[in-house]
N, C-alpha and C. Protein backbone atom coordinates (compact mmCIF):
# COMPACT_ATOMS: atom_id res chain seq x y z
N MET A 1 97.10 -89.17 -51.27
CA MET A 1 96.65 -89.43 -52.63
C MET A 1 96.24 -88.14 -53.33
N LEU A 2 95.51 -87.27 -52.63
CA LEU A 2 95.08 -86.01 -53.22
C LEU A 2 96.27 -85.14 -53.58
N GLN A 3 97.29 -85.15 -52.72
CA GLN A 3 98.49 -84.35 -52.98
C GLN A 3 99.18 -84.82 -54.27
N VAL A 4 99.25 -86.11 -54.50
CA VAL A 4 99.88 -86.64 -55.71
C VAL A 4 99.09 -86.19 -56.94
N LYS A 5 97.76 -86.25 -56.87
CA LYS A 5 96.92 -85.83 -57.98
C LYS A 5 97.14 -84.36 -58.28
N GLU A 6 97.22 -83.52 -57.26
CA GLU A 6 97.45 -82.09 -57.46
C GLU A 6 98.81 -81.82 -58.06
N GLN A 7 99.81 -82.61 -57.69
CA GLN A 7 101.16 -82.41 -58.22
C GLN A 7 101.22 -82.74 -59.71
N ARG A 8 100.39 -83.69 -60.18
CA ARG A 8 100.40 -84.05 -61.60
C ARG A 8 99.83 -82.94 -62.46
N ARG A 9 98.93 -82.14 -61.92
CA ARG A 9 98.33 -81.05 -62.68
C ARG A 9 99.25 -79.84 -62.63
N ARG A 10 99.74 -79.48 -63.78
CA ARG A 10 100.66 -78.36 -63.86
C ARG A 10 99.93 -77.04 -63.96
N LEU A 11 98.76 -77.05 -64.56
CA LEU A 11 98.01 -75.82 -64.79
C LEU A 11 96.70 -75.85 -64.04
N ALA A 12 96.27 -74.71 -63.56
CA ALA A 12 95.03 -74.61 -62.82
C ALA A 12 93.83 -74.93 -63.71
N ARG A 13 92.88 -75.63 -63.14
CA ARG A 13 91.64 -75.95 -63.86
C ARG A 13 90.56 -74.99 -63.43
N ARG A 14 89.75 -74.58 -64.41
CA ARG A 14 88.62 -73.70 -64.12
C ARG A 14 87.34 -74.50 -64.30
N SER A 15 86.47 -74.41 -63.32
CA SER A 15 85.20 -75.11 -63.40
C SER A 15 84.33 -74.47 -64.47
N ARG A 16 83.76 -75.30 -65.32
CA ARG A 16 82.87 -74.85 -66.38
C ARG A 16 81.72 -75.85 -66.45
N HIS A 17 80.61 -75.40 -66.85
CA HIS A 17 79.48 -76.30 -67.09
C HIS A 17 78.77 -75.78 -68.32
N HIS A 18 79.43 -75.92 -69.46
CA HIS A 18 78.82 -75.44 -70.69
C HIS A 18 78.84 -76.54 -71.76
N LEU A 19 77.91 -76.41 -72.68
CA LEU A 19 77.81 -77.39 -73.75
C LEU A 19 78.95 -77.24 -74.74
N SER A 20 79.37 -78.38 -75.26
CA SER A 20 80.37 -78.43 -76.32
C SER A 20 80.00 -79.59 -77.22
N TRP A 21 80.78 -79.77 -78.29
CA TRP A 21 80.49 -80.83 -79.24
C TRP A 21 81.74 -81.61 -79.57
N ILE A 22 81.60 -82.93 -79.53
CA ILE A 22 82.67 -83.86 -79.92
C ILE A 22 82.43 -84.23 -81.38
N THR A 23 83.46 -84.09 -82.19
CA THR A 23 83.37 -84.48 -83.59
C THR A 23 84.39 -85.58 -83.82
N THR A 24 83.93 -86.69 -84.36
CA THR A 24 84.82 -87.82 -84.60
C THR A 24 85.67 -87.57 -85.85
N GLU A 25 86.59 -88.47 -86.11
CA GLU A 25 87.56 -88.28 -87.18
C GLU A 25 86.93 -88.05 -88.56
N ASN A 26 85.77 -88.61 -88.79
CA ASN A 26 85.18 -88.45 -90.12
C ASN A 26 84.54 -87.07 -90.32
N ASP A 27 84.47 -86.26 -89.28
CA ASP A 27 83.92 -84.89 -89.34
C ASP A 27 82.47 -84.84 -89.84
N ILE A 28 81.78 -85.95 -89.83
CA ILE A 28 80.41 -85.96 -90.30
C ILE A 28 79.43 -85.83 -89.15
N GLN A 29 79.70 -86.48 -88.03
CA GLN A 29 78.77 -86.51 -86.91
C GLN A 29 79.35 -85.77 -85.71
N SER A 30 78.53 -84.93 -85.08
CA SER A 30 78.91 -84.25 -83.84
C SER A 30 78.01 -84.74 -82.72
N TYR A 31 78.57 -84.86 -81.54
CA TYR A 31 77.84 -85.33 -80.37
C TYR A 31 77.95 -84.28 -79.26
N GLU A 32 76.84 -84.01 -78.63
CA GLU A 32 76.82 -83.02 -77.56
C GLU A 32 77.49 -83.59 -76.31
N CYS A 33 78.21 -82.74 -75.60
CA CYS A 33 78.82 -83.11 -74.33
C CYS A 33 78.82 -81.87 -73.45
N GLN A 34 79.29 -82.03 -72.23
CA GLN A 34 79.40 -80.90 -71.31
C GLN A 34 80.82 -80.84 -70.77
N VAL A 35 81.42 -79.67 -70.81
CA VAL A 35 82.75 -79.46 -70.24
C VAL A 35 82.56 -79.19 -68.76
N LEU A 36 83.15 -80.05 -67.92
CA LEU A 36 83.04 -79.86 -66.47
C LEU A 36 84.12 -78.94 -65.94
N ASP A 37 85.34 -79.13 -66.43
CA ASP A 37 86.42 -78.20 -66.10
C ASP A 37 87.44 -78.20 -67.23
N VAL A 38 88.26 -77.16 -67.26
CA VAL A 38 89.20 -76.99 -68.36
C VAL A 38 90.45 -76.27 -67.87
N SER A 39 91.58 -76.60 -68.49
CA SER A 39 92.83 -75.87 -68.27
C SER A 39 93.42 -75.61 -69.65
N ALA A 40 94.58 -75.01 -69.67
CA ALA A 40 95.22 -74.71 -70.96
C ALA A 40 95.62 -75.98 -71.69
N ASP A 41 95.85 -77.09 -70.96
CA ASP A 41 96.31 -78.30 -71.64
C ASP A 41 95.33 -79.46 -71.64
N GLY A 42 94.11 -79.29 -71.10
CA GLY A 42 93.15 -80.39 -71.12
C GLY A 42 91.81 -80.03 -70.52
N ALA A 43 90.93 -81.04 -70.47
CA ALA A 43 89.59 -80.81 -69.95
C ALA A 43 88.99 -82.11 -69.45
N LYS A 44 87.94 -81.96 -68.63
CA LYS A 44 87.13 -83.10 -68.19
C LYS A 44 85.75 -82.91 -68.78
N LEU A 45 85.28 -83.92 -69.51
CA LEU A 45 84.01 -83.85 -70.21
C LEU A 45 83.07 -84.94 -69.70
N VAL A 46 81.79 -84.71 -69.85
CA VAL A 46 80.81 -85.77 -69.62
C VAL A 46 79.92 -85.83 -70.85
N ALA A 47 79.72 -87.06 -71.34
CA ALA A 47 78.97 -87.23 -72.59
C ALA A 47 78.09 -88.45 -72.50
N ASP A 48 76.90 -88.34 -73.04
CA ASP A 48 75.98 -89.46 -73.12
C ASP A 48 75.90 -89.86 -74.59
N ILE A 49 76.94 -90.53 -75.05
CA ILE A 49 77.09 -90.83 -76.47
C ILE A 49 76.98 -92.34 -76.67
N GLU A 50 76.11 -92.73 -77.56
CA GLU A 50 75.97 -94.16 -77.87
C GLU A 50 77.07 -94.65 -78.79
N ALA A 51 77.54 -93.79 -79.68
CA ALA A 51 78.61 -94.18 -80.60
C ALA A 51 79.94 -94.25 -79.85
N PRO A 52 80.79 -95.19 -80.20
CA PRO A 52 82.09 -95.28 -79.54
C PRO A 52 82.98 -94.09 -79.90
N ILE A 53 83.69 -93.60 -78.92
CA ILE A 53 84.65 -92.52 -79.14
C ILE A 53 86.03 -93.15 -79.10
N GLY A 54 86.82 -92.88 -80.11
CA GLY A 54 88.16 -93.44 -80.18
C GLY A 54 89.11 -92.75 -79.22
N SER A 55 90.39 -92.89 -79.48
CA SER A 55 91.40 -92.30 -78.61
C SER A 55 91.65 -90.83 -78.91
N SER A 56 91.07 -90.31 -80.00
CA SER A 56 91.22 -88.90 -80.31
C SER A 56 89.96 -88.39 -81.01
N PHE A 57 89.72 -87.10 -80.86
CA PHE A 57 88.58 -86.45 -81.50
C PHE A 57 88.80 -84.95 -81.47
N ARG A 58 87.85 -84.21 -82.02
CA ARG A 58 87.92 -82.75 -82.00
C ARG A 58 86.80 -82.23 -81.12
N LEU A 59 87.06 -81.12 -80.42
CA LEU A 59 86.10 -80.53 -79.50
C LEU A 59 85.84 -79.09 -79.93
N SER A 60 84.57 -78.70 -79.96
CA SER A 60 84.21 -77.32 -80.30
C SER A 60 83.17 -76.82 -79.32
N ILE A 61 83.08 -75.50 -79.20
CA ILE A 61 82.11 -74.91 -78.27
C ILE A 61 80.83 -74.50 -78.95
N VAL A 62 80.76 -74.65 -80.25
CA VAL A 62 79.51 -74.43 -80.99
C VAL A 62 79.34 -75.60 -81.96
N PRO A 63 78.09 -76.00 -82.24
CA PRO A 63 77.91 -77.13 -83.16
C PRO A 63 78.39 -76.80 -84.56
N LYS A 64 78.99 -77.79 -85.20
CA LYS A 64 79.48 -77.68 -86.59
C LYS A 64 80.44 -76.50 -86.77
N ALA A 65 81.25 -76.25 -85.75
CA ALA A 65 82.21 -75.15 -85.79
C ALA A 65 83.33 -75.44 -86.78
N ILE A 66 83.89 -74.39 -87.32
CA ILE A 66 85.04 -74.53 -88.21
C ILE A 66 86.30 -74.72 -87.38
N VAL A 67 86.40 -74.04 -86.25
CA VAL A 67 87.57 -74.13 -85.39
C VAL A 67 87.30 -75.14 -84.27
N ARG A 68 88.21 -76.10 -84.13
CA ARG A 68 88.06 -77.17 -83.14
C ARG A 68 89.39 -77.45 -82.46
N ARG A 69 89.32 -77.98 -81.23
CA ARG A 69 90.52 -78.40 -80.52
C ARG A 69 90.75 -79.89 -80.72
N GLU A 70 91.95 -80.26 -81.09
CA GLU A 70 92.33 -81.67 -81.19
C GLU A 70 92.50 -82.20 -79.77
N CYS A 71 91.87 -83.33 -79.45
CA CYS A 71 91.93 -83.91 -78.11
C CYS A 71 92.38 -85.36 -78.16
N GLU A 72 93.15 -85.75 -77.15
CA GLU A 72 93.53 -87.14 -76.97
C GLU A 72 92.94 -87.60 -75.65
N VAL A 73 92.27 -88.75 -75.65
CA VAL A 73 91.67 -89.28 -74.43
C VAL A 73 92.78 -89.80 -73.53
N VAL A 74 92.77 -89.33 -72.27
CA VAL A 74 93.76 -89.74 -71.28
C VAL A 74 93.17 -90.79 -70.34
N TRP A 75 91.91 -90.61 -69.98
CA TRP A 75 91.23 -91.56 -69.11
C TRP A 75 89.72 -91.51 -69.36
N ARG A 76 89.04 -92.58 -68.94
CA ARG A 76 87.58 -92.68 -69.04
C ARG A 76 87.07 -93.32 -67.76
N LYS A 77 85.93 -92.83 -67.29
CA LYS A 77 85.25 -93.43 -66.15
C LYS A 77 83.76 -93.24 -66.38
N GLY A 78 83.11 -94.30 -66.83
CA GLY A 78 81.70 -94.20 -67.18
C GLY A 78 81.51 -93.24 -68.34
N ARG A 79 80.67 -92.23 -68.13
CA ARG A 79 80.40 -91.23 -69.17
C ARG A 79 81.39 -90.07 -69.11
N THR A 80 82.29 -90.06 -68.14
CA THR A 80 83.24 -88.96 -67.97
C THR A 80 84.54 -89.28 -68.69
N ILE A 81 85.07 -88.28 -69.39
CA ILE A 81 86.28 -88.46 -70.21
C ILE A 81 87.27 -87.36 -69.86
N GLY A 82 88.51 -87.74 -69.59
CA GLY A 82 89.59 -86.78 -69.40
C GLY A 82 90.40 -86.69 -70.68
N VAL A 83 90.62 -85.47 -71.16
CA VAL A 83 91.37 -85.30 -72.41
C VAL A 83 92.51 -84.31 -72.22
N LYS A 84 93.53 -84.48 -73.05
CA LYS A 84 94.56 -83.45 -73.15
C LYS A 84 94.46 -82.88 -74.55
N PHE A 85 94.73 -81.61 -74.65
CA PHE A 85 94.71 -80.95 -75.95
C PHE A 85 96.00 -81.30 -76.66
N ALA A 86 95.86 -81.94 -77.82
CA ALA A 86 97.01 -82.50 -78.53
C ALA A 86 97.74 -81.49 -79.38
N ALA A 87 97.05 -80.46 -79.83
CA ALA A 87 97.66 -79.50 -80.74
C ALA A 87 96.95 -78.17 -80.60
N PRO A 88 97.52 -77.16 -81.20
CA PRO A 88 96.82 -75.86 -81.21
C PRO A 88 95.47 -75.97 -81.91
N VAL A 89 94.67 -74.98 -81.77
CA VAL A 89 93.35 -74.93 -82.39
C VAL A 89 93.48 -75.14 -83.89
N THR A 90 92.64 -76.01 -84.46
CA THR A 90 92.68 -76.29 -85.89
C THR A 90 91.35 -75.96 -86.53
N GLN A 91 91.36 -75.81 -87.84
CA GLN A 91 90.12 -75.61 -88.58
C GLN A 91 89.65 -76.92 -89.14
N ALA A 92 88.34 -77.07 -89.25
CA ALA A 92 87.76 -78.31 -89.79
C ALA A 92 88.20 -78.47 -91.24
N ARG A 93 88.29 -79.70 -91.65
CA ARG A 93 88.71 -80.01 -93.02
C ARG A 93 87.57 -79.88 -93.97
């Protein structure tokens, strides 16, 4: 099983434990989260967010950042969220 999981990952993941912010589609509210690991095409996050998170959002490494990564949710397990980066870095609207 572990071998299959490793084969699905094309890019190496780097362990990180730093704060980031999830911004929902309306760009009004940001929620704090922690990046557990990251690769060039995705990341694993943990968030204690009461508001529902849809299937996509923006991720930034500073609160209320102008530059954010577009993310698509790939999986969820409790407070942990797996995302893939959907597009190159974008600027907030």
